Amino acid sequence: MKIDKVSLAFRNKVILRDIDLEIKAWEFVFFIWYSWSWKTSLIRSLIWDFKPMKWDIILDNNIALYKNMSEETLLEYRRQIWVIFQDYKLLESKKVYENVAFAMEVCGYSDEIIRKKVPEALEQVWLLIKKDKFVFELSWGEKQRIAIARALVHDPKIILWDEPTWNLDPETAMEVMNIFLDLHADWKTIILATHDSHIVNSLKKRVIAFDKKWVVSDIQGGEYSL
């Protein structure tokens, strides 16, 4: 996708101005920043949930996301991108299996497909053994992996995560990152918004830094430079 000179405003205040970026298929990208003000709004704009005040987001098929997308094209686009927000949005009173299955039920998948895909996704994040545990019984790292499993059942091309290592110890954070590295090796585009300098410096991926309203650096094999 190409972020084409996008400007975003919140309550009549410009929070991002003339952002011009291209994220190619199968890239692994970190977003880092000085201010919290832009982050969630930019993520929301990538999923048709926060309309730019100026210009647009151009998809790989050259369709402008906000200017001329039909309902059919929007549905197809949203099947290709999955966003995991910082609070995970898990159902604490339900079991691990039920949480992942619910993400498929609301999207209209058949029971047969759900029974097939949920165990596959849980196996991929090493949680199949805990499929009958309630969410409130799990550690933060295990909850992170449920969130990843809920993305995997949709087989998205792009996974975008807001603060993937929030509230995790360094060892668990690296375990989560290893899952993302495996997904990247499986031809997924990964976009992670983070302030975790250890993870950014360890992985040496593309690092895009924001300051105030602008992109201030964009470095392949970069480090946490703020």
C-alpha atoms as a PDB file:
ATOM      1  CA  MET A   1       0.000   0.000   0.000  1.00  0.00           C
ATOM      2  CA  LYS A   2       1.021   3.603  -0.490  1.00  0.00           C
ATOM      3  CA  ILE A   3       0.227   6.329   2.036  1.00  0.00           C
ATOM      4  CA  ASP A   4      -0.107   9.205  -0.424  1.00  0.00           C
ATOM      5  CA  LYS A   5       0.567  12.575   1.235  1.00  0.00           C
ATOM      6  CA  VAL A   6      -2.025  11.810   3.921  1.00  0.00           C
ATOM      7  CA  SER A   7      -2.933  14.385   6.548  1.00  0.00           C
ATOM      8  CA  LEU A   8      -5.002  13.483   9.615  1.00  0.00           C
ATOM      9  CA  ALA A   9      -6.867  15.771  12.001  1.00  0.00           C
ATOM     10  CA  PHE A  10      -8.541  15.073  15.340  1.00  0.00           C
ATOM     11  CA  ARG A  11     -11.027  17.620  16.738  1.00  0.00           C
ATOM     12  CA  ASN A  12      -9.891  20.158  14.139  1.00  0.00           C
ATOM     13  CA  LYS A  13      -6.250  19.789  15.157  1.00  0.00           C
ATOM     14  CA  VAL A  14      -3.827  18.433  12.554  1.00  0.00           C
ATOM     15  CA  ILE A  15      -1.936  15.475  14.037  1.00  0.00           C
ATOM     16  CA  LEU A  16      -0.178  14.199  10.894  1.00  0.00           C
ATOM     17  CA  ARG A  17       0.664  16.213   7.804  1.00  0.00           C
ATOM     18  CA  ASP A  18       1.653  15.109   4.294  1.00  0.00           C
ATOM     19  CA  ILE A  19       2.707  11.565   5.232  1.00  0.00           C
ATOM     20  CA  ASP A  20       4.117   9.950   2.096  1.00  0.00           C
ATOM     21  CA  LEU A  21       5.142   6.298   2.523  1.00  0.00           C
ATOM     22  CA  GLU A  22       5.080   3.084   0.545  1.00  0.00           C
ATOM     23  CA  ILE A  23       4.912  -0.275   2.302  1.00  0.00           C
ATOM     24  CA  LYS A  24       5.541  -3.086  -0.140  1.00  0.00           C
ATOM     25  CA  ALA A  25       4.133  -6.588   0.042  1.00  0.00           C
ATOM     26  CA  TRP A  26       5.984  -8.856   2.507  1.00  0.00           C
ATOM     27  CA  GLU A  27       7.839  -6.037   4.263  1.00  0.00           C
ATOM     28  CA  PHE A  28       8.472  -5.995   8.029  1.00  0.00           C
ATOM     29  CA  VAL A  29       8.111  -2.439   9.322  1.00  0.00           C
ATOM     30  CA  PHE A  30       8.320  -0.735  12.705  1.00  0.00           C
ATOM     31  CA  PHE A  31       6.559   2.596  13.384  1.00  0.00           C
ATOM     32  CA  ILE A  32       8.186   4.527  16.247  1.00  0.00           C
ATOM     33  CA  TRP A  33       7.316   8.003  17.517  1.00  0.00           C
ATOM     34  CA  TYR A  34       7.901  10.779  20.030  1.00  0.00           C
ATOM     35  CA  SER A  35       4.232  11.561  20.588  1.00  0.00           C
ATOM     36  CA  TRP A  36       1.296   9.216  21.199  1.00  0.00           C
ATOM     37  CA  SER A  37      -1.157  11.522  19.411  1.00  0.00           C
ATOM     38  CA  TRP A  38      -0.848  10.163  15.865  1.00  0.00           C
ATOM     39  CA  LYS A  39      -0.443   6.434  16.386  1.00  0.00           C
ATOM     40  CA  THR A  40      -3.953   5.048  16.815  1.00  0.00           C
ATOM     41  CA  SER A  41      -5.374   7.469  14.258  1.00  0.00           C
ATOM     42  CA  LEU A  42      -2.896   6.356  11.599  1.00  0.00           C
ATOM     43  CA  ILE A  43      -3.649   2.688  12.312  1.00  0.00           C
ATOM     44  CA  ARG A  44      -7.388   3.371  12.102  1.00  0.00           C
ATOM     45  CA  SER A  45      -6.955   5.204   8.809  1.00  0.00           C
ATOM     46  CA  LEU A  46      -5.368   2.090   7.303  1.00  0.00           C
ATOM     47  CA  ILE A  47      -8.557   0.078   7.918  1.00  0.00           C
ATOM     48  CA  TRP A  48     -11.188   2.580   6.751  1.00  0.00           C
ATOM     49  CA  ASP A  49     -12.009   3.710  10.288  1.00  0.00           C
ATOM     50  CA  PHE A  50     -10.565   7.253  10.363  1.00  0.00           C
ATOM     51  CA  LYS A  51     -10.833   9.263   7.176  1.00  0.00           C
ATOM     52  CA  PRO A  52      -7.868  11.467   6.199  1.00  0.00           C
ATOM     53  CA  MET A  53      -8.573  15.183   5.858  1.00  0.00           C
ATOM     54  CA  LYS A  54      -6.345  15.209   2.786  1.00  0.00           C
ATOM     55  CA  TRP A  55      -5.407  12.768   0.043  1.00  0.00           C
ATOM     56  CA  ASP A  56      -5.640   9.011   0.358  1.00  0.00           C
ATOM     57  CA  ILE A  57      -4.233   5.522   0.913  1.00  0.00           C
ATOM     58  CA  ILE A  58      -3.552   3.704  -2.356  1.00  0.00           C
ATOM     59  CA  LEU A  59      -3.808  -0.074  -2.331  1.00  0.00           C
ATOM     60  CA  ASP A  60      -1.637  -2.484  -4.296  1.00  0.00           C
ATOM     61  CA  ASN A  61      -4.271  -2.694  -7.050  1.00  0.00           C
ATOM     62  CA  ASN A  62      -4.128   1.139  -7.395  1.00  0.00           C
ATOM     63  CA  ILE A  63      -7.568   1.638  -5.830  1.00  0.00           C
ATOM     64  CA  ALA A  64      -7.832   4.717  -3.590  1.00  0.00           C
ATOM     65  CA  LEU A  65      -9.146   3.465  -0.241  1.00  0.00           C
ATOM     66  CA  TYR A  66     -11.297   6.457   0.644  1.00  0.00           C
ATOM     67  CA  LYS A  67     -12.158   8.066  -2.683  1.00  0.00           C
ATOM     68  CA  ASN A  68     -13.702   5.303  -4.743  1.00  0.00           C
ATOM     69  CA  MET A  69     -13.957   2.049  -2.844  1.00  0.00           C
ATOM     70  CA  SER A  70     -17.192   0.071  -3.135  1.00  0.00           C
ATOM     71  CA  GLU A  71     -18.659  -2.025  -0.312  1.00  0.00           C
ATOM     72  CA  GLU A  72     -17.529  -5.170  -2.086  1.00  0.00           C
ATOM     73  CA  THR A  73     -13.952  -3.938  -2.479  1.00  0.00           C
ATOM     74  CA  LEU A  74     -13.883  -2.722   1.137  1.00  0.00           C
ATOM     75  CA  LEU A  75     -14.994  -6.148   2.392  1.00  0.00           C
ATOM     76  CA  GLU A  76     -12.271  -7.828   0.353  1.00  0.00           C
ATOM     77  CA  TYR A  77      -9.680  -5.333   1.628  1.00  0.00           C
ATOM     78  CA  ARG A  78     -10.634  -5.887   5.254  1.00  0.00           C
ATOM     79  CA  ARG A  79     -10.188  -9.617   4.780  1.00  0.00           C
ATOM     80  CA  GLN A  80      -6.598  -8.959   3.762  1.00  0.00           C
ATOM     81  CA  ILE A  81      -5.595  -6.787   6.730  1.00  0.00           C
ATOM     82  CA  TRP A  82      -5.940  -7.576  10.432  1.00  0.00           C
ATOM     83  CA  VAL A  83      -5.283  -5.075  13.215  1.00  0.00           C
ATOM     84  CA  ILE A  84      -4.517  -6.151  16.779  1.00  0.00           C
ATOM     85  CA  PHE A  85      -5.085  -3.290  19.190  1.00  0.00           C
ATOM     86  CA  GLN A  86      -3.259  -2.800  22.458  1.00  0.00           C
ATOM     87  CA  ASP A  87      -6.069  -4.074  24.704  1.00  0.00           C
ATOM     88  CA  TYR A  88      -6.485  -7.307  22.617  1.00  0.00           C
ATOM     89  CA  LYS A  89     -10.316  -7.133  22.972  1.00  0.00           C
ATOM     90  CA  LEU A  90     -10.467 -10.700  24.326  1.00  0.00           C
ATOM     91  CA  LEU A  91     -13.525 -12.182  26.044  1.00  0.00           C
ATOM     92  CA  GLU A  92     -12.164 -12.962  29.514  1.00  0.00           C
ATOM     93  CA  SER A  93     -15.101 -15.156  30.532  1.00  0.00           C
ATOM     94  CA  LYS A  94     -14.723 -17.431  27.500  1.00  0.00           C
ATOM     95  CA  LYS A  95     -12.184 -20.150  26.816  1.00  0.00           C
ATOM     96  CA  VAL A  96      -9.227 -19.884  24.462  1.00  0.00           C
ATOM     97  CA  TYR A  97     -10.908 -21.926  21.725  1.00  0.00           C
ATOM     98  CA  GLU A  98     -14.122 -19.901  22.035  1.00  0.00           C
ATOM     99  CA  ASN A  99     -12.275 -16.582  21.691  1.00  0.00           C
ATOM    100  CA  VAL A 100     -10.673 -17.603  18.418  1.00  0.00           C
ATOM    101  CA  ALA A 101     -13.854 -19.239  17.123  1.00  0.00           C
ATOM    102  CA  PHE A 102     -15.870 -16.112  17.936  1.00  0.00           C
ATOM    103  CA  ALA A 103     -13.630 -14.031  15.655  1.00  0.00           C
ATOM    104  CA  MET A 104     -14.666 -16.352  12.818  1.00  0.00           C
ATOM    105  CA  GLU A 105     -18.346 -16.601  13.767  1.00  0.00           C
ATOM    106  CA  VAL A 106     -18.897 -12.836  13.513  1.00  0.00           C
ATOM    107  CA  CYS A 107     -17.407 -12.962   9.994  1.00  0.00           C
ATOM    108  CA  GLY A 108     -19.846 -15.642   8.885  1.00  0.00           C
ATOM    109  CA  TYR A 109     -17.542 -18.657   8.571  1.00  0.00           C
ATOM    110  CA  SER A 110     -19.228 -22.077   8.572  1.00  0.00           C
ATOM    111  CA  ASP A 111     -18.938 -24.404  11.574  1.00  0.00           C
ATOM    112  CA  GLU A 112     -16.900 -26.825   9.466  1.00  0.00           C
ATOM    113  CA  ILE A 113     -14.280 -24.228   8.589  1.00  0.00           C
ATOM    114  CA  ILE A 114     -14.173 -22.972  12.191  1.00  0.00           C
ATOM    115  CA  ARG A 115     -13.521 -26.509  13.504  1.00  0.00           C
ATOM    116  CA  LYS A 116     -10.669 -26.860  11.015  1.00  0.00           C
ATOM    117  CA  LYS A 117      -8.992 -23.460  11.299  1.00  0.00           C
ATOM    118  CA  VAL A 118      -9.148 -22.718  15.031  1.00  0.00           C
ATOM    119  CA  PRO A 119      -6.948 -25.673  16.111  1.00  0.00           C
ATOM    120  CA  GLU A 120      -4.511 -24.892  13.282  1.00  0.00           C
ATOM    121  CA  ALA A 121      -4.137 -21.288  14.447  1.00  0.00           C
ATOM    122  CA  LEU A 122      -3.736 -22.269  18.103  1.00  0.00           C
ATOM    123  CA  GLU A 123      -1.084 -24.823  17.161  1.00  0.00           C
ATOM    124  CA  GLN A 124       0.781 -22.122  15.242  1.00  0.00           C
ATOM    125  CA  VAL A 125       1.052 -19.954  18.384  1.00  0.00           C
ATOM    126  CA  TRP A 126       1.741 -22.904  20.738  1.00  0.00           C
ATOM    127  CA  LEU A 127      -1.590 -22.661  22.569  1.00  0.00           C
ATOM    128  CA  LEU A 128      -3.533 -25.705  21.393  1.00  0.00           C
ATOM    129  CA  ILE A 129      -2.744 -27.424  24.685  1.00  0.00           C
ATOM    130  CA  LYS A 130      -4.603 -24.592  26.491  1.00  0.00           C
ATOM    131  CA  LYS A 131      -7.651 -24.441  24.222  1.00  0.00           C
ATOM    132  CA  ASP A 132     -10.004 -25.265  27.128  1.00  0.00           C
ATOM    133  CA  LYS A 133      -8.521 -22.742  29.556  1.00  0.00           C
ATOM    134  CA  PHE A 134     -10.392 -19.525  30.356  1.00  0.00           C
ATOM    135  CA  VAL A 135      -8.675 -16.332  29.211  1.00  0.00           C
ATOM    136  CA  PHE A 136      -8.466 -14.939  32.757  1.00  0.00           C
ATOM    137  CA  GLU A 137      -6.306 -17.948  33.696  1.00  0.00           C
ATOM    138  CA  LEU A 138      -3.598 -17.075  31.167  1.00  0.00           C
ATOM    139  CA  SER A 139      -0.454 -14.959  31.312  1.00  0.00           C
ATOM    140  CA  TRP A 140      -0.090 -11.724  29.320  1.00  0.00           C
ATOM    141  CA  GLY A 141       2.146 -13.483  26.813  1.00  0.00           C
ATOM    142  CA  GLU A 142      -0.456 -16.193  26.262  1.00  0.00           C
ATOM    143  CA  LYS A 143      -3.145 -13.549  25.776  1.00  0.00           C
ATOM    144  CA  GLN A 144      -0.924 -11.930  23.160  1.00  0.00           C
ATOM    145  CA  ARG A 145      -0.754 -15.229  21.323  1.00  0.00           C
ATOM    146  CA  ILE A 146      -4.547 -15.629  21.370  1.00  0.00           C
ATOM    147  CA  ALA A 147      -4.743 -12.240  19.675  1.00  0.00           C
ATOM    148  CA  ILE A 148      -2.320 -13.472  17.016  1.00  0.00           C
ATOM    149  CA  ALA A 149      -4.332 -16.693  16.550  1.00  0.00           C
ATOM    150  CA  ARG A 150      -7.492 -14.648  15.967  1.00  0.00           C
ATOM    151  CA  ALA A 151      -5.656 -12.878  13.156  1.00  0.00           C
ATOM    152  CA  LEU A 152      -4.287 -16.089  11.650  1.00  0.00           C
ATOM    153  CA  VAL A 153      -7.683 -17.765  11.182  1.00  0.00           C
ATOM    154  CA  HIS A 154      -8.483 -15.080   8.592  1.00  0.00           C
ATOM    155  CA  ASP A 155      -5.180 -15.654   6.743  1.00  0.00           C
ATOM    156  CA  PRO A 156      -4.609 -11.908   6.201  1.00  0.00           C
ATOM    157  CA  LYS A 157      -1.877 -10.604   3.903  1.00  0.00           C
ATOM    158  CA  ILE A 158      -1.117  -7.724   6.304  1.00  0.00           C
ATOM    159  CA  ILE A 159      -0.930  -7.882  10.116  1.00  0.00           C
ATOM    160  CA  LEU A 160      -0.767  -4.549  11.932  1.00  0.00           C
ATOM    161  CA  TRP A 161      -0.245  -4.517  15.710  1.00  0.00           C
ATOM    162  CA  ASP A 162      -0.355  -1.609  18.137  1.00  0.00           C
ATOM    163  CA  GLU A 163       2.250  -2.216  20.901  1.00  0.00           C
ATOM    164  CA  PRO A 164       2.848  -5.977  20.462  1.00  0.00           C
ATOM    165  CA  THR A 165       5.193  -6.296  23.441  1.00  0.00           C
ATOM    166  CA  TRP A 166       3.311  -4.046  25.863  1.00  0.00           C
ATOM    167  CA  ASN A 167       3.366  -5.403  29.423  1.00  0.00           C
ATOM    168  CA  LEU A 168       5.651  -8.338  28.518  1.00  0.00           C
ATOM    169  CA  ASP A 169       9.011  -9.261  29.993  1.00  0.00           C
ATOM    170  CA  PRO A 170      11.918  -9.295  27.479  1.00  0.00           C
ATOM    171  CA  GLU A 171      11.971 -13.084  27.099  1.00  0.00           C
ATOM    172  CA  THR A 172       8.226 -13.345  26.411  1.00  0.00           C
ATOM    173  CA  ALA A 173       8.392 -10.334  24.099  1.00  0.00           C
ATOM    174  CA  MET A 174      11.016 -12.075  21.993  1.00  0.00           C
ATOM    175  CA  GLU A 175       8.882 -15.230  21.869  1.00  0.00           C
ATOM    176  CA  VAL A 176       6.056 -13.134  20.404  1.00  0.00           C
ATOM    177  CA  MET A 177       8.465 -11.562  17.918  1.00  0.00           C
ATOM    178  CA  ASN A 178       9.618 -15.009  16.808  1.00  0.00           C
ATOM    179  CA  ILE A 179       6.017 -15.772  15.846  1.00  0.00           C
ATOM    180  CA  PHE A 180       5.974 -12.617  13.729  1.00  0.00           C
ATOM    181  CA  LEU A 181       9.267 -13.566  12.109  1.00  0.00           C
ATOM    182  CA  ASP A 182       7.752 -16.933  11.182  1.00  0.00           C
ATOM    183  CA  LEU A 183       4.697 -15.179   9.737  1.00  0.00           C
ATOM    184  CA  HIS A 184       6.922 -12.818   7.770  1.00  0.00           C
ATOM    185  CA  ALA A 185       8.806 -15.810   6.381  1.00  0.00           C
ATOM    186  CA  ASP A 186       5.387 -17.116   5.330  1.00  0.00           C
ATOM    187  CA  TRP A 187       4.902 -14.055   3.080  1.00  0.00           C
ATOM    188  CA  LYS A 188       2.940 -11.835   5.479  1.00  0.00           C
ATOM    189  CA  THR A 189       3.394  -8.070   5.583  1.00  0.00           C
ATOM    190  CA  ILE A 190       4.062  -7.067   9.211  1.00  0.00           C
ATOM    191  CA  ILE A 191       3.587  -3.520  10.552  1.00  0.00           C
ATOM    192  CA  LEU A 192       4.283  -2.996  14.270  1.00  0.00           C
ATOM    193  CA  ALA A 193       3.787   0.287  16.130  1.00  0.00           C
ATOM    194  CA  THR A 194       6.038   0.161  19.192  1.00  0.00           C
ATOM    195  CA  HIS A 195       8.223   2.027  21.626  1.00  0.00           C
ATOM    196  CA  ASP A 196      10.137  -1.142  22.578  1.00  0.00           C
ATOM    197  CA  SER A 197      13.706  -0.164  21.672  1.00  0.00           C
ATOM    198  CA  HIS A 198      15.121  -3.600  22.542  1.00  0.00           C
ATOM    199  CA  ILE A 199      12.897  -5.376  20.011  1.00  0.00           C
ATOM    200  CA  VAL A 200      13.501  -2.785  17.300  1.00  0.00           C
ATOM    201  CA  ASN A 201      17.276  -2.893  17.794  1.00  0.00           C
ATOM    202  CA  SER A 202      17.351  -6.689  17.905  1.00  0.00           C
ATOM    203  CA  LEU A 203      15.435  -7.313  14.682  1.00  0.00           C
ATOM    204  CA  LYS A 204      17.057  -4.663  12.428  1.00  0.00           C
ATOM    205  CA  LYS A 205      14.026  -4.245  10.151  1.00  0.00           C
ATOM    206  CA  ARG A 206      12.722  -1.137   8.386  1.00  0.00           C
ATOM    207  CA  VAL A 207      12.160   1.600  10.993  1.00  0.00           C
ATOM    208  CA  ILE A 208       9.952   4.636  10.284  1.00  0.00           C
ATOM    209  CA  ALA A 209      10.164   7.367  12.932  1.00  0.00           C
ATOM    210  CA  PHE A 210       7.574  10.113  13.451  1.00  0.00           C
ATOM    211  CA  ASP A 211       8.041  13.424  15.259  1.00  0.00           C
ATOM    212  CA  LYS A 212       5.203  15.864  15.800  1.00  0.00           C
ATOM    213  CA  LYS A 213       3.299  15.799  12.491  1.00  0.00           C
ATOM    214  CA  TRP A 214       5.901  14.350  10.123  1.00  0.00           C
ATOM    215  CA  VAL A 215       8.048  11.360   9.232  1.00  0.00           C
ATOM    216  CA  VAL A 216      11.583  12.253  10.329  1.00  0.00           C
ATOM    217  CA  SER A 217      13.427   9.090   9.240  1.00  0.00           C
ATOM    218  CA  ASP A 218      12.855   5.905   7.241  1.00  0.00           C
ATOM    219  CA  ILE A 219      15.737   3.432   7.458  1.00  0.00           C
ATOM    220  CA  GLN A 220      16.093  -0.141   6.255  1.00  0.00           C
ATOM    221  CA  GLY A 221      17.865  -2.256   8.879  1.00  0.00           C
ATOM    222  CA  GLY A 222      17.351   0.595  11.303  1.00  0.00           C
ATOM    223  CA  GLU A 223      17.474   0.982  15.067  1.00  0.00           C
ATOM    224  CA  TYR A 224      15.396   2.791  17.656  1.00  0.00           C
ATOM    225  CA  SER A 225      16.642   6.320  17.093  1.00  0.00           C
ATOM    226  CA  LEU A 226      14.409   8.472  19.294  1.00  0.00           C
END
